[in-house]
Amino acid sequence: MSSLKTLRQMQGKTAPQSVERDHTALIIIDIQNEYFNGGGLPLPESQNTAANAKVLLEWARQHSITVLHIRHLAINASSPIFAPNSKTSEIATSVSPLASETIFTKHFPNAFLGTDLHAFLTVHKIETLIVCGMMTHTCVASTSQAAAELGYSVILVQNACTTRSLPVGDTGQVMDYKTIHAATLVALSDAIAEIMGTDEIIDLPIIQKSAFNV
């Protein structure tokens, strides 16, 4: 067994043992039609990722945990991907928001940049964010890092995120999406987020605020 420790482990941070309902939010990032077959940027494992996000969504709704949806739109109306008012930029039906759930529209990878997300979380006294969505190495990573820098505790759901393969500069080589996904999660686990699976999260006991005031 390796003796290496993450910065979080050095600081004594451990995996959560419960979910505090009143101070936790599930954030679903960019699970939009663009990333599925028929979209301009279909991702490998997008269906499995969305299915796990749906499990988290149903769990959060069942336990009255705040649910927030993030939707990416291009600034340029003629953009080949995420064009405003396009069918492919719409949120996938498997994780469709309820009328009572808030949607934040962003134009940059970081969901806090140029949106009222931080103000909303502050007003609602949210301290912990459960983050899932697309893509792992861009919008999920940048939003998670921004959240940690703003003082939120971040739980990143490893099997409810996915990404794509990328060229390695101009070498002609390709880095596989699984490698990019895994490396991103490892990097974020060092100082930014606790990495957990869907089943691990939904198995955690739900603690209500009143439980701490007895």
N, C-alpha and C. Protein backbone atom coordinates (compact mmCIF):
# COMPACT_ATOMS: atom_id res chain seq x y z
N MET A 1 0.84 -1.20 0.00
CA MET A 1 0.00 0.00 0.00
C MET A 1 0.88 1.25 0.00
N SER A 2 0.49 2.24 -0.82
CA SER A 2 1.27 3.46 -0.92
C SER A 2 1.18 4.28 0.36
N SER A 3 2.28 4.92 0.70
CA SER A 3 2.30 5.80 1.87
C SER A 3 1.91 7.25 1.50
N LEU A 4 1.68 7.47 0.22
CA LEU A 4 1.32 8.82 -0.23
C LEU A 4 -0.04 9.23 0.32
N LYS A 5 -0.18 10.50 0.63
CA LYS A 5 -1.44 11.04 1.09
C LYS A 5 -1.82 12.26 0.27
N THR A 6 -3.11 12.46 0.10
CA THR A 6 -3.57 13.69 -0.54
C THR A 6 -3.46 14.84 0.45
N LEU A 7 -3.52 16.05 -0.07
CA LEU A 7 -3.52 17.22 0.82
C LEU A 7 -4.72 17.20 1.74
N ARG A 8 -5.85 16.72 1.24
CA ARG A 8 -7.04 16.63 2.08
C ARG A 8 -6.82 15.66 3.24
N GLN A 9 -6.17 14.53 2.96
CA GLN A 9 -5.88 13.56 4.02
C GLN A 9 -4.90 14.14 5.03
N MET A 10 -3.92 14.89 4.56
CA MET A 10 -2.97 15.53 5.47
C MET A 10 -3.66 16.51 6.40
N GLN A 11 -4.75 17.11 5.92
CA GLN A 11 -5.50 18.07 6.71
C GLN A 11 -6.55 17.40 7.59
N GLY A 12 -6.60 16.06 7.54
CA GLY A 12 -7.54 15.32 8.37
C GLY A 12 -8.95 15.24 7.82
N LYS A 13 -9.12 15.57 6.54
CA LYS A 13 -10.46 15.51 5.93
C LYS A 13 -10.77 14.08 5.52
N THR A 14 -11.98 13.66 5.84
CA THR A 14 -12.40 12.29 5.54
C THR A 14 -13.71 12.30 4.79
N ALA A 15 -14.08 11.15 4.26
CA ALA A 15 -15.34 11.02 3.52
C ALA A 15 -16.51 11.30 4.45
N PRO A 16 -17.55 11.95 3.95
CA PRO A 16 -18.71 12.24 4.80
C PRO A 16 -19.40 10.97 5.27
N GLN A 17 -19.93 11.02 6.47
CA GLN A 17 -20.63 9.88 7.04
C GLN A 17 -22.14 10.07 7.01
N SER A 18 -22.59 11.25 6.56
CA SER A 18 -24.02 11.55 6.47
C SER A 18 -24.20 12.73 5.52
N VAL A 19 -25.45 13.00 5.18
CA VAL A 19 -25.79 14.15 4.36
C VAL A 19 -26.71 15.05 5.16
N GLU A 20 -26.29 16.29 5.36
CA GLU A 20 -27.12 17.25 6.09
C GLU A 20 -28.08 17.90 5.09
N ARG A 21 -29.32 17.49 5.16
CA ARG A 21 -30.30 17.84 4.13
C ARG A 21 -30.42 19.34 3.89
N ASP A 22 -30.50 20.12 4.94
CA ASP A 22 -30.79 21.55 4.79
C ASP A 22 -29.61 22.36 4.27
N HIS A 23 -28.41 21.77 4.28
CA HIS A 23 -27.22 22.53 3.86
C HIS A 23 -26.48 21.86 2.72
N THR A 24 -27.18 21.01 1.97
CA THR A 24 -26.56 20.29 0.86
C THR A 24 -27.35 20.54 -0.42
N ALA A 25 -26.64 20.64 -1.52
CA ALA A 25 -27.29 20.78 -2.83
C ALA A 25 -26.67 19.81 -3.83
N LEU A 26 -27.52 19.22 -4.65
CA LEU A 26 -27.07 18.42 -5.79
C LEU A 26 -26.99 19.35 -6.99
N ILE A 27 -25.82 19.40 -7.62
CA ILE A 27 -25.63 20.25 -8.80
C ILE A 27 -25.38 19.36 -10.02
N ILE A 28 -26.27 19.44 -10.98
CA ILE A 28 -26.17 18.63 -12.21
C ILE A 28 -25.70 19.55 -13.33
N ILE A 29 -24.49 19.29 -13.82
CA ILE A 29 -23.85 20.19 -14.76
C ILE A 29 -23.96 19.69 -16.21
N ASP A 30 -24.63 20.46 -17.03
CA ASP A 30 -24.57 20.32 -18.50
C ASP A 30 -24.93 18.93 -19.04
N ILE A 31 -25.87 18.26 -18.42
CA ILE A 31 -26.34 17.00 -19.03
C ILE A 31 -27.38 17.41 -20.08
N GLN A 32 -26.87 17.76 -21.24
CA GLN A 32 -27.66 18.33 -22.33
C GLN A 32 -27.60 17.44 -23.57
N ASN A 33 -28.57 17.60 -24.44
CA ASN A 33 -28.66 16.76 -25.63
C ASN A 33 -27.42 16.82 -26.51
N GLU A 34 -26.66 17.90 -26.41
CA GLU A 34 -25.45 18.06 -27.21
C GLU A 34 -24.47 16.92 -27.00
N TYR A 35 -24.49 16.31 -25.81
CA TYR A 35 -23.52 15.29 -25.45
C TYR A 35 -23.99 13.86 -25.75
N PHE A 36 -25.15 13.73 -26.39
CA PHE A 36 -25.69 12.41 -26.71
C PHE A 36 -25.73 12.21 -28.23
N ASN A 37 -26.02 10.99 -28.66
CA ASN A 37 -26.13 10.73 -30.09
C ASN A 37 -27.14 11.69 -30.70
N GLY A 38 -26.75 12.32 -31.79
CA GLY A 38 -27.57 13.33 -32.42
C GLY A 38 -27.12 14.73 -32.08
N GLY A 39 -26.31 14.86 -31.05
CA GLY A 39 -25.75 16.15 -30.67
C GLY A 39 -24.42 16.38 -31.36
N GLY A 40 -23.89 17.56 -31.18
CA GLY A 40 -22.65 17.91 -31.85
C GLY A 40 -21.40 17.40 -31.17
N LEU A 41 -21.54 16.92 -29.92
CA LEU A 41 -20.37 16.49 -29.15
C LEU A 41 -20.72 15.26 -28.30
N PRO A 42 -21.14 14.17 -28.94
CA PRO A 42 -21.53 12.98 -28.18
C PRO A 42 -20.36 12.41 -27.37
N LEU A 43 -20.63 12.07 -26.13
CA LEU A 43 -19.60 11.55 -25.24
C LEU A 43 -19.75 10.05 -25.04
N PRO A 44 -18.63 9.35 -24.89
CA PRO A 44 -18.72 7.94 -24.50
C PRO A 44 -19.30 7.84 -23.09
N GLU A 45 -20.16 6.88 -22.90
CA GLU A 45 -20.78 6.61 -21.60
C GLU A 45 -21.73 7.72 -21.15
N SER A 46 -22.20 8.53 -22.08
CA SER A 46 -23.15 9.58 -21.71
C SER A 46 -24.45 9.01 -21.15
N GLN A 47 -24.89 7.89 -21.70
CA GLN A 47 -26.14 7.29 -21.22
C GLN A 47 -25.99 6.77 -19.79
N ASN A 48 -24.87 6.09 -19.52
CA ASN A 48 -24.64 5.58 -18.16
C ASN A 48 -24.47 6.72 -17.16
N THR A 49 -23.79 7.76 -17.60
CA THR A 49 -23.59 8.93 -16.74
C THR A 49 -24.93 9.57 -16.39
N ALA A 50 -25.78 9.75 -17.40
CA ALA A 50 -27.09 10.35 -17.17
C ALA A 50 -27.96 9.46 -16.29
N ALA A 51 -27.83 8.15 -16.46
CA ALA A 51 -28.62 7.22 -15.64
C ALA A 51 -28.23 7.34 -14.17
N ASN A 52 -26.94 7.46 -13.88
CA ASN A 52 -26.49 7.63 -12.50
C ASN A 52 -26.90 8.99 -11.95
N ALA A 53 -26.84 10.01 -12.79
CA ALA A 53 -27.29 11.34 -12.36
C ALA A 53 -28.79 11.31 -12.04
N LYS A 54 -29.54 10.55 -12.80
CA LYS A 54 -30.98 10.43 -12.54
C LYS A 54 -31.23 9.76 -11.19
N VAL A 55 -30.43 8.76 -10.86
CA VAL A 55 -30.55 8.11 -9.54
C VAL A 55 -30.33 9.14 -8.44
N LEU A 56 -29.29 9.95 -8.59
CA LEU A 56 -29.01 11.00 -7.61
C LEU A 56 -30.14 12.02 -7.55
N LEU A 57 -30.67 12.37 -8.71
CA LEU A 57 -31.75 13.34 -8.78
C LEU A 57 -32.99 12.84 -8.04
N GLU A 58 -33.35 11.60 -8.28
CA GLU A 58 -34.53 11.02 -7.60
C GLU A 58 -34.30 10.92 -6.10
N TRP A 59 -33.09 10.56 -5.72
CA TRP A 59 -32.73 10.49 -4.29
C TRP A 59 -32.84 11.85 -3.64
N ALA A 60 -32.31 12.88 -4.29
CA ALA A 60 -32.35 14.23 -3.73
C ALA A 60 -33.79 14.71 -3.60
N ARG A 61 -34.60 14.46 -4.61
CA ARG A 61 -36.00 14.87 -4.54
C ARG A 61 -36.74 14.14 -3.43
N GLN A 62 -36.46 12.87 -3.28
CA GLN A 62 -37.11 12.07 -2.23
C GLN A 62 -36.82 12.62 -0.85
N HIS A 63 -35.60 13.13 -0.66
CA HIS A 63 -35.18 13.61 0.66
C HIS A 63 -35.22 15.14 0.79
N SER A 64 -35.85 15.80 -0.17
CA SER A 64 -36.01 17.27 -0.14
C SER A 64 -34.66 17.99 -0.06
N ILE A 65 -33.67 17.45 -0.76
CA ILE A 65 -32.37 18.09 -0.88
C ILE A 65 -32.42 19.05 -2.07
N THR A 66 -31.87 20.22 -1.91
CA THR A 66 -31.87 21.22 -2.98
C THR A 66 -31.24 20.66 -4.26
N VAL A 67 -31.92 20.85 -5.38
CA VAL A 67 -31.42 20.41 -6.69
C VAL A 67 -31.24 21.63 -7.57
N LEU A 68 -30.06 21.75 -8.17
CA LEU A 68 -29.76 22.85 -9.08
C LEU A 68 -29.28 22.29 -10.42
N HIS A 69 -29.80 22.84 -11.50
CA HIS A 69 -29.42 22.40 -12.84
C HIS A 69 -28.58 23.49 -13.50
N ILE A 70 -27.47 23.09 -14.11
CA ILE A 70 -26.62 24.01 -14.85
C ILE A 70 -26.75 23.69 -16.33
N ARG A 71 -26.95 24.73 -17.13
CA ARG A 71 -27.09 24.56 -18.58
C ARG A 71 -26.10 25.48 -19.28
N HIS A 72 -25.32 24.92 -20.18
CA HIS A 72 -24.35 25.72 -20.92
C HIS A 72 -24.95 26.21 -22.23
N LEU A 73 -24.76 27.48 -22.53
CA LEU A 73 -25.15 28.05 -23.82
C LEU A 73 -23.98 28.85 -24.39
N ALA A 74 -23.79 28.74 -25.69
CA ALA A 74 -22.77 29.55 -26.36
C ALA A 74 -23.23 31.01 -26.41
N ILE A 75 -22.28 31.90 -26.36
CA ILE A 75 -22.60 33.32 -26.49
C ILE A 75 -22.95 33.65 -27.94
N ASN A 76 -22.25 33.01 -28.86
CA ASN A 76 -22.46 33.22 -30.29
C ASN A 76 -23.64 32.39 -30.77
N ALA A 77 -24.66 33.03 -31.31
CA ALA A 77 -25.86 32.33 -31.75
C ALA A 77 -25.60 31.34 -32.88
N SER A 78 -24.50 31.54 -33.62
CA SER A 78 -24.18 30.65 -34.74
C SER A 78 -23.18 29.57 -34.35
N SER A 79 -22.92 29.40 -33.07
CA SER A 79 -21.97 28.39 -32.61
C SER A 79 -22.41 26.99 -33.07
N PRO A 80 -21.45 26.14 -33.47
CA PRO A 80 -21.81 24.78 -33.89
C PRO A 80 -22.27 23.88 -32.75
N ILE A 81 -21.96 24.25 -31.52
CA ILE A 81 -22.43 23.50 -30.36
C ILE A 81 -22.99 24.46 -29.31
N PHE A 82 -23.99 23.99 -28.59
CA PHE A 82 -24.63 24.75 -27.51
C PHE A 82 -25.21 26.08 -28.00
N ALA A 83 -25.69 26.10 -29.22
CA ALA A 83 -26.30 27.31 -29.75
C ALA A 83 -27.59 27.61 -29.01
N PRO A 84 -27.83 28.86 -28.65
CA PRO A 84 -29.08 29.22 -27.98
C PRO A 84 -30.30 28.82 -28.82
N ASN A 85 -31.34 28.37 -28.13
CA ASN A 85 -32.61 28.00 -28.77
C ASN A 85 -32.53 26.76 -29.66
N SER A 86 -31.45 25.99 -29.54
CA SER A 86 -31.34 24.75 -30.31
C SER A 86 -31.83 23.58 -29.47
N LYS A 87 -32.32 22.55 -30.15
CA LYS A 87 -32.79 21.34 -29.44
C LYS A 87 -31.63 20.66 -28.72
N THR A 88 -30.45 20.70 -29.31
CA THR A 88 -29.32 19.99 -28.71
C THR A 88 -28.79 20.68 -27.46
N SER A 89 -29.12 21.95 -27.27
CA SER A 89 -28.67 22.64 -26.06
C SER A 89 -29.62 22.44 -24.89
N GLU A 90 -30.74 21.76 -25.14
CA GLU A 90 -31.71 21.55 -24.07
C GLU A 90 -31.21 20.48 -23.09
N ILE A 91 -31.64 20.57 -21.85
CA ILE A 91 -31.30 19.57 -20.84
C ILE A 91 -31.94 18.24 -21.21
N ALA A 92 -31.19 17.16 -21.07
CA ALA A 92 -31.69 15.83 -21.42
C ALA A 92 -32.93 15.49 -20.61
N THR A 93 -33.86 14.81 -21.25
CA THR A 93 -35.14 14.50 -20.60
C THR A 93 -34.98 13.62 -19.36
N SER A 94 -33.92 12.80 -19.32
CA SER A 94 -33.74 11.90 -18.17
C SER A 94 -33.50 12.65 -16.87
N VAL A 95 -33.01 13.90 -16.98
CA VAL A 95 -32.77 14.71 -15.78
C VAL A 95 -33.50 16.05 -15.88
N SER A 96 -34.64 16.05 -16.54
CA SER A 96 -35.40 17.29 -16.73
C SER A 96 -35.72 17.95 -15.40
N PRO A 97 -35.54 19.25 -15.31
CA PRO A 97 -35.87 19.96 -14.06
C PRO A 97 -37.37 20.01 -13.82
N LEU A 98 -37.74 19.96 -12.56
CA LEU A 98 -39.11 20.27 -12.17
C LEU A 98 -39.28 21.78 -12.19
N ALA A 99 -40.54 22.20 -12.24
CA ALA A 99 -40.82 23.64 -12.26
C ALA A 99 -40.28 24.33 -11.01
N SER A 100 -40.18 23.58 -9.91
CA SER A 100 -39.72 24.14 -8.64
C SER A 100 -38.19 24.18 -8.52
N GLU A 101 -37.47 23.60 -9.48
CA GLU A 101 -36.01 23.53 -9.41
C GLU A 101 -35.36 24.63 -10.24
N THR A 102 -34.31 25.18 -9.71
CA THR A 102 -33.65 26.33 -10.34
C THR A 102 -32.65 25.89 -11.41
N ILE A 103 -32.65 26.62 -12.52
CA ILE A 103 -31.70 26.39 -13.60
C ILE A 103 -30.79 27.62 -13.71
N PHE A 104 -29.48 27.38 -13.76
CA PHE A 104 -28.53 28.46 -13.99
C PHE A 104 -27.93 28.27 -15.39
N THR A 105 -27.97 29.31 -16.19
CA THR A 105 -27.38 29.27 -17.52
C THR A 105 -26.00 29.92 -17.48
N LYS A 106 -25.02 29.19 -17.96
CA LYS A 106 -23.64 29.69 -17.95
C LYS A 106 -23.10 29.77 -19.37
N HIS A 107 -22.03 30.56 -19.53
CA HIS A 107 -21.37 30.70 -20.82
C HIS A 107 -19.90 30.32 -20.75
N PHE A 108 -19.45 29.91 -19.58
CA PHE A 108 -18.06 29.52 -19.35
C PHE A 108 -18.05 28.18 -18.61
N PRO A 109 -16.92 27.46 -18.62
CA PRO A 109 -16.88 26.18 -17.90
C PRO A 109 -17.26 26.29 -16.42
N ASN A 110 -16.77 27.31 -15.75
CA ASN A 110 -17.05 27.53 -14.32
C ASN A 110 -18.48 28.04 -14.14
N ALA A 111 -19.32 27.25 -13.49
CA ALA A 111 -20.73 27.61 -13.33
C ALA A 111 -20.95 28.79 -12.41
N PHE A 112 -19.93 29.20 -11.67
CA PHE A 112 -20.06 30.38 -10.81
C PHE A 112 -19.79 31.67 -11.57
N LEU A 113 -19.07 31.58 -12.67
CA LEU A 113 -18.64 32.77 -13.40
C LEU A 113 -19.80 33.35 -14.21
N GLY A 114 -20.18 34.57 -13.87
CA GLY A 114 -21.24 35.25 -14.61
C GLY A 114 -22.64 34.78 -14.28
N THR A 115 -22.81 34.03 -13.19
CA THR A 115 -24.13 33.57 -12.77
C THR A 115 -24.39 33.97 -11.32
N ASP A 116 -25.60 33.72 -10.86
CA ASP A 116 -25.98 34.00 -9.47
C ASP A 116 -25.89 32.75 -8.59
N LEU A 117 -25.14 31.76 -9.03
CA LEU A 117 -25.07 30.50 -8.29
C LEU A 117 -24.58 30.70 -6.86
N HIS A 118 -23.49 31.42 -6.69
CA HIS A 118 -22.94 31.61 -5.34
C HIS A 118 -23.92 32.38 -4.46
N ALA A 119 -24.57 33.38 -5.00
CA ALA A 119 -25.56 34.15 -4.23
C ALA A 119 -26.72 33.26 -3.80
N PHE A 120 -27.18 32.40 -4.69
CA PHE A 120 -28.27 31.48 -4.36
C PHE A 120 -27.86 30.55 -3.23
N LEU A 121 -26.68 29.96 -3.34
CA LEU A 121 -26.21 29.02 -2.33
C LEU A 121 -26.05 29.71 -0.98
N THR A 122 -25.57 30.94 -1.00
CA THR A 122 -25.39 31.70 0.23
C THR A 122 -26.73 31.98 0.90
N VAL A 123 -27.70 32.44 0.13
CA VAL A 123 -29.03 32.75 0.68
C VAL A 123 -29.68 31.50 1.28
N HIS A 124 -29.47 30.36 0.63
CA HIS A 124 -30.09 29.11 1.10
C HIS A 124 -29.22 28.34 2.08
N LYS A 125 -28.12 28.95 2.50
CA LYS A 125 -27.25 28.37 3.53
C LYS A 125 -26.71 26.98 3.14
N ILE A 126 -26.37 26.84 1.86
CA ILE A 126 -25.80 25.58 1.38
C ILE A 126 -24.31 25.56 1.66
N GLU A 127 -23.84 24.47 2.23
CA GLU A 127 -22.42 24.33 2.58
C GLU A 127 -21.72 23.21 1.81
N THR A 128 -22.48 22.20 1.40
CA THR A 128 -21.92 21.04 0.72
C THR A 128 -22.56 20.88 -0.65
N LEU A 129 -21.73 20.66 -1.66
CA LEU A 129 -22.21 20.47 -3.02
C LEU A 129 -21.89 19.06 -3.49
N ILE A 130 -22.89 18.36 -3.97
CA ILE A 130 -22.71 17.07 -4.62
C ILE A 130 -22.75 17.35 -6.11
N VAL A 131 -21.64 17.12 -6.80
CA VAL A 131 -21.48 17.58 -8.18
C VAL A 131 -21.41 16.39 -9.14
N CYS A 132 -22.16 16.49 -10.24
CA CYS A 132 -22.07 15.49 -11.29
C CYS A 132 -22.31 16.17 -12.63
N GLY A 133 -22.03 15.47 -13.74
CA GLY A 133 -22.34 16.05 -15.03
C GLY A 133 -21.25 15.88 -16.08
N MET A 134 -21.23 16.80 -17.01
CA MET A 134 -20.37 16.71 -18.18
C MET A 134 -19.73 18.08 -18.47
N MET A 135 -18.46 18.14 -18.89
CA MET A 135 -17.50 17.07 -18.99
C MET A 135 -16.58 17.11 -17.78
N THR A 136 -16.04 15.96 -17.41
CA THR A 136 -15.24 15.85 -16.19
C THR A 136 -14.08 16.85 -16.17
N HIS A 137 -13.34 16.93 -17.27
CA HIS A 137 -12.10 17.72 -17.26
C HIS A 137 -12.32 19.20 -17.48
N THR A 138 -13.52 19.62 -17.86
CA THR A 138 -13.76 21.04 -18.11
C THR A 138 -14.75 21.62 -17.10
N CYS A 139 -16.04 21.55 -17.42
CA CYS A 139 -17.04 22.24 -16.60
C CYS A 139 -17.16 21.65 -15.20
N VAL A 140 -17.07 20.33 -15.09
CA VAL A 140 -17.15 19.71 -13.77
C VAL A 140 -15.93 20.08 -12.92
N ALA A 141 -14.75 20.00 -13.52
CA ALA A 141 -13.52 20.32 -12.78
C ALA A 141 -13.46 21.79 -12.39
N SER A 142 -13.75 22.68 -13.33
CA SER A 142 -13.62 24.11 -13.03
C SER A 142 -14.67 24.57 -12.03
N THR A 143 -15.86 24.02 -12.12
CA THR A 143 -16.90 24.38 -11.15
C THR A 143 -16.55 23.85 -9.77
N SER A 144 -16.05 22.63 -9.70
CA SER A 144 -15.66 22.04 -8.41
C SER A 144 -14.54 22.84 -7.76
N GLN A 145 -13.55 23.24 -8.55
CA GLN A 145 -12.44 24.01 -7.99
C GLN A 145 -12.92 25.37 -7.50
N ALA A 146 -13.76 26.03 -8.28
CA ALA A 146 -14.29 27.33 -7.86
C ALA A 146 -15.10 27.19 -6.58
N ALA A 147 -15.87 26.12 -6.48
CA ALA A 147 -16.68 25.88 -5.27
C ALA A 147 -15.79 25.73 -4.04
N ALA A 148 -14.72 24.95 -4.19
CA ALA A 148 -13.81 24.75 -3.05
C ALA A 148 -13.14 26.06 -2.66
N GLU A 149 -12.78 26.87 -3.65
CA GLU A 149 -12.14 28.15 -3.36
C GLU A 149 -13.09 29.12 -2.67
N LEU A 150 -14.39 28.93 -2.89
CA LEU A 150 -15.40 29.77 -2.24
C LEU A 150 -15.79 29.23 -0.86
N GLY A 151 -15.20 28.10 -0.47
CA GLY A 151 -15.42 27.57 0.87
C GLY A 151 -16.43 26.46 0.99
N TYR A 152 -16.93 25.96 -0.14
CA TYR A 152 -17.88 24.85 -0.08
C TYR A 152 -17.15 23.52 0.06
N SER A 153 -17.79 22.57 0.74
CA SER A 153 -17.31 21.20 0.71
C SER A 153 -17.86 20.56 -0.57
N VAL A 154 -17.00 19.88 -1.31
CA VAL A 154 -17.39 19.34 -2.61
C VAL A 154 -17.28 17.82 -2.61
N ILE A 155 -18.37 17.18 -3.03
CA ILE A 155 -18.37 15.74 -3.26
C ILE A 155 -18.58 15.56 -4.76
N LEU A 156 -17.64 14.92 -5.42
CA LEU A 156 -17.71 14.72 -6.86
C LEU A 156 -18.05 13.25 -7.12
N VAL A 157 -19.10 13.04 -7.90
CA VAL A 157 -19.62 11.68 -8.12
C VAL A 157 -18.95 11.07 -9.35
N GLN A 158 -18.04 10.14 -9.11
CA GLN A 158 -17.17 9.65 -10.17
C GLN A 158 -17.90 8.94 -11.30
N ASN A 159 -18.97 8.21 -11.01
CA ASN A 159 -19.67 7.47 -12.06
C ASN A 159 -20.89 8.22 -12.58
N ALA A 160 -21.04 9.49 -12.21
CA ALA A 160 -22.09 10.35 -12.77
C ALA A 160 -21.44 11.52 -13.50
N CYS A 161 -20.22 11.30 -13.98
CA CYS A 161 -19.50 12.26 -14.82
C CYS A 161 -18.85 11.47 -15.96
N THR A 162 -18.62 12.14 -17.06
CA THR A 162 -17.85 11.52 -18.15
C THR A 162 -17.21 12.62 -18.98
N THR A 163 -16.31 12.21 -19.86
CA THR A 163 -15.64 13.18 -20.71
C THR A 163 -15.32 12.53 -22.05
N ARG A 164 -14.41 13.11 -22.82
CA ARG A 164 -14.11 12.60 -24.16
C ARG A 164 -12.60 12.47 -24.35
N SER A 165 -12.21 11.70 -25.34
CA SER A 165 -10.80 11.57 -25.69
C SER A 165 -10.33 12.85 -26.36
N LEU A 166 -9.03 13.14 -26.22
CA LEU A 166 -8.48 14.38 -26.74
C LEU A 166 -7.15 14.15 -27.45
N PRO A 167 -6.84 14.98 -28.45
CA PRO A 167 -5.53 14.88 -29.10
C PRO A 167 -4.43 15.38 -28.16
N VAL A 168 -3.27 14.78 -28.25
CA VAL A 168 -2.13 15.19 -27.44
C VAL A 168 -1.29 16.15 -28.28
N GLY A 169 -1.61 17.44 -28.17
CA GLY A 169 -0.93 18.44 -28.98
C GLY A 169 -1.04 18.11 -30.46
N ASP A 170 0.06 18.26 -31.18
CA ASP A 170 0.08 17.93 -32.60
C ASP A 170 0.91 16.68 -32.86
N THR A 171 0.96 15.78 -31.86
CA THR A 171 1.78 14.57 -31.98
C THR A 171 1.10 13.48 -32.79
N GLY A 172 -0.20 13.63 -33.02
CA GLY A 172 -0.93 12.57 -33.68
C GLY A 172 -1.44 11.52 -32.71
N GLN A 173 -1.05 11.63 -31.45
CA GLN A 173 -1.51 10.69 -30.43
C GLN A 173 -2.81 11.17 -29.80
N VAL A 174 -3.52 10.24 -29.19
CA VAL A 174 -4.80 10.54 -28.55
C VAL A 174 -4.76 10.03 -27.11
N MET A 175 -5.22 10.84 -26.19
CA MET A 175 -5.38 10.40 -24.80
C MET A 175 -6.82 9.93 -24.62
N ASP A 176 -6.96 8.70 -24.20
CA ASP A 176 -8.28 8.08 -24.05
C ASP A 176 -9.11 8.78 -22.98
N TYR A 177 -10.41 8.84 -23.19
CA TYR A 177 -11.31 9.54 -22.25
C TYR A 177 -11.25 8.95 -20.86
N LYS A 178 -11.03 7.64 -20.75
CA LYS A 178 -10.97 7.01 -19.43
C LYS A 178 -9.76 7.53 -18.65
N THR A 179 -8.67 7.71 -19.34
CA THR A 179 -7.46 8.23 -18.70
C THR A 179 -7.68 9.67 -18.26
N ILE A 180 -8.29 10.48 -19.13
CA ILE A 180 -8.55 11.88 -18.79
C ILE A 180 -9.50 11.97 -17.60
N HIS A 181 -10.54 11.17 -17.62
CA HIS A 181 -11.53 11.15 -16.52
C HIS A 181 -10.85 10.78 -15.21
N ALA A 182 -10.09 9.68 -15.24
CA ALA A 182 -9.45 9.19 -14.01
C ALA A 182 -8.41 10.18 -13.50
N ALA A 183 -7.61 10.74 -14.39
CA ALA A 183 -6.57 11.69 -13.97
C ALA A 183 -7.19 12.95 -13.38
N THR A 184 -8.28 13.41 -13.97
CA THR A 184 -8.95 14.60 -13.45
C THR A 184 -9.48 14.35 -12.05
N LEU A 185 -10.09 13.19 -11.83
CA LEU A 185 -10.62 12.87 -10.50
C LEU A 185 -9.50 12.76 -9.47
N VAL A 186 -8.40 12.14 -9.85
CA VAL A 186 -7.26 12.02 -8.93
C VAL A 186 -6.73 13.41 -8.57
N ALA A 187 -6.61 14.27 -9.58
CA ALA A 187 -6.10 15.62 -9.32
C ALA A 187 -7.04 16.39 -8.38
N LEU A 188 -8.33 16.28 -8.61
CA LEU A 188 -9.30 16.99 -7.77
C LEU A 188 -9.36 16.41 -6.36
N SER A 189 -9.06 15.13 -6.24
CA SER A 189 -9.11 14.50 -4.91
C SER A 189 -8.01 15.01 -3.99
N ASP A 190 -6.98 15.61 -4.56
CA ASP A 190 -5.86 16.05 -3.74
C ASP A 190 -6.27 17.17 -2.80
N ALA A 191 -6.89 18.22 -3.32
CA ALA A 191 -7.21 19.38 -2.48
C ALA A 191 -8.62 19.92 -2.66
N ILE A 192 -9.36 19.42 -3.66
CA ILE A 192 -10.62 20.06 -4.03
C ILE A 192 -11.85 19.30 -3.56
N ALA A 193 -11.90 17.99 -3.80
CA ALA A 193 -13.17 17.27 -3.62
C ALA A 193 -12.97 15.87 -3.05
N GLU A 194 -14.01 15.41 -2.39
CA GLU A 194 -14.11 14.00 -2.00
C GLU A 194 -14.73 13.27 -3.18
N ILE A 195 -14.09 12.20 -3.63
CA ILE A 195 -14.58 11.45 -4.78
C ILE A 195 -15.37 10.24 -4.28
N MET A 196 -16.64 10.15 -4.70
CA MET A 196 -17.50 9.07 -4.25
C MET A 196 -18.33 8.54 -5.42
N GLY A 197 -18.88 7.35 -5.24
CA GLY A 197 -19.77 6.77 -6.24
C GLY A 197 -21.22 7.04 -5.89
N THR A 198 -22.09 6.88 -6.87
CA THR A 198 -23.51 7.10 -6.67
C THR A 198 -24.06 6.27 -5.51
N ASP A 199 -23.75 4.99 -5.50
CA ASP A 199 -24.28 4.11 -4.44
C ASP A 199 -23.78 4.53 -3.07
N GLU A 200 -22.53 4.95 -2.98
CA GLU A 200 -21.99 5.40 -1.69
C GLU A 200 -22.78 6.59 -1.15
N ILE A 201 -23.14 7.49 -2.04
CA ILE A 201 -23.83 8.71 -1.61
C ILE A 201 -25.26 8.41 -1.17
N ILE A 202 -25.99 7.66 -1.98
CA ILE A 202 -27.40 7.42 -1.64
C ILE A 202 -27.56 6.50 -0.44
N ASP A 203 -26.48 5.82 -0.05
CA ASP A 203 -26.52 4.97 1.15
C ASP A 203 -26.24 5.76 2.43
N LEU A 204 -25.80 7.00 2.30
CA LEU A 204 -25.51 7.80 3.50
C LEU A 204 -26.80 8.18 4.22
N PRO A 205 -26.78 8.18 5.54
CA PRO A 205 -27.96 8.63 6.29
C PRO A 205 -28.20 10.12 6.08
N ILE A 206 -29.47 10.51 6.04
CA ILE A 206 -29.86 11.91 5.89
C ILE A 206 -30.07 12.50 7.27
N ILE A 207 -29.35 13.56 7.56
CA ILE A 207 -29.47 14.24 8.84
C ILE A 207 -30.15 15.57 8.65
N GLN A 208 -31.19 15.84 9.42
CA GLN A 208 -31.88 17.11 9.35
C GLN A 208 -31.28 18.09 10.35
N LYS A 209 -31.46 19.35 10.08
CA LYS A 209 -30.89 20.41 10.92
C LYS A 209 -31.33 20.27 12.36
N SER A 210 -32.57 19.91 12.57
CA SER A 210 -33.12 19.80 13.92
C SER A 210 -32.39 18.76 14.75
N ALA A 211 -31.77 17.79 14.06
CA ALA A 211 -31.06 16.73 14.77
C ALA A 211 -29.89 17.28 15.58
N PHE A 212 -29.35 18.46 15.15
CA PHE A 212 -28.21 19.04 15.84
C PHE A 212 -28.65 19.97 16.96
N ASN A 213 -29.95 20.20 17.07
CA ASN A 213 -30.45 21.16 18.05
C ASN A 213 -31.17 20.49 19.20
N VAL A 214 -31.07 19.18 19.28
CA VAL A 214 -31.75 18.45 20.37
C VAL A 214 -31.02 18.64 21.68
